[in-house]
Amino acid sequence: MTDLFAPLQSLKQGDWFKLICGASFQHLPAVRSLTLAYTLAGADCIDVAADPAVIAAAQAGLLVAKSLAKDAQKRGFDYKGNSPFLMVSLNDGEDPHFRKAEFNPTECPADCSRPCERICPAQAIVFNSIKEDFSGVVSEKCYGCGRCIPICPYDIIYTNSYMSTPGAIAPLVMSTGVDAVEIHTKVGRLAEFEQLWQAISPWADQLKLLAISCPDGEGMTDYLRAIYDLIAPLKSALIWQTDGRSMSGDIGDGTTIAAVKLGQKVLAAKLPGYVQLAGGTNSYTVAKLKAMGLLNDFRLPILDFGLEDANPPSKIQNPKSKISGVAYGSYARVLLSPILEQLENKEVSNTNVKANLRLEEDDVLLWQAVELAHSLVSQIKSQQEH
């Protein structure tokens, strides 16, 4: 299996793992490190913001990972140098994934206990930071979860949303060499989706994968069918991403329930393509899917995905009735945050110019990060070992 098709094979097998760096997460060192660690741990896809600098940071992480393939194998990681798909996220309208928190720190009373700083999973809110000489929201670290807004006792935190410009999207996809595009949409935005799709469609044949991410809503399955009618025929693989409870996976085990329920709803619609969970996914997700019989059992032969068979033999499973993979965002990032924080606090000096240490330059932190990432990736990948 070539590295070009290895991620697609994972989709077919039902052990697809996607890392979501964040559609509005632009902290370049963290994107590079997350990409490196999760690639070495066996991820099939890295999803990043549609920002040339962010894409370049992820591509740098992918290159370093390839150079460390033999090292990873010696340490017991099943990474063979295959490149995961690099995906960018786009939106056809206002979406919580495409926003940033903001506030004026001069409006904060001196005696405020600063609950916003404590609750921020991205550590994007700082006060009197010596390193940054800054107070407020570090914009590139904020990925728009919004948890700081209701907890502010003075109600001074707000968000700024932004939309991708359709005319700028096609050149971006072409010039950066991304493999996949994910479109975030909502029920009732078919006209906006169509406008965005028209900007992408001249180059759609060059994509290896298209993902449609949609939260639940009244008439959702009819909306997804309308989207499929609009984009068909499609040469690339197609994923329906069920966005259960956005950016909440690190809150607690229960957040995964919404993603699983939405996954079941989309599976029942029998749409062409694969179904992949997101939104609230965490260390509990795979166990929940296994308990519910929603993952492929690798002890049984699999019916070819291209064959239509309403009544497959009982000893053959049809992957169309199963979840094909899981995407992890906030949980996957928070899992590695202690390592990334240690790395950020280390500096190297070269010709009197200080710079942040890169993950591969600290052997101990690198393999600690990969081990942590692998503890999550292996949950879905380990099914193959049955």
Foldseek 3Di string as FASTA:
>chain_A
DALVCVQVVLLQQQQAEEEEAFQQAQPLQLLLLLLLQLLLLPHQEYEYHLDLSNLVSSVNSLVVNLVCNVVSVVVPHPHNSRGHFYEHEFELDWDQRFKFKWFDVVPDDPPDPPVLCVPDLLNQADDCDPVVNDGIGNRNSGRRPCPSQVVPPVNGMDMDGDHDDLQPPQVSCVPSVGQEYEYEYEPPSPVSVLSNCVSNVVCQQRHQEYEYEYEDDVCVLVRVVVVCVSNPPGPHAYEYEYAQAAPCQVVDLVFCVSQVVSQQVNLVSLDPHAYEYHHNDAQCNLVVQVVVVQGDQLVAAEDPQVDDDPDDPPRYHYNSNHHSYYYYYSRLSSLLVVLVVVQQPDWDADPNDIDGDRLVNDVVSSVVSSVSSSSRSCSSVVSNVD
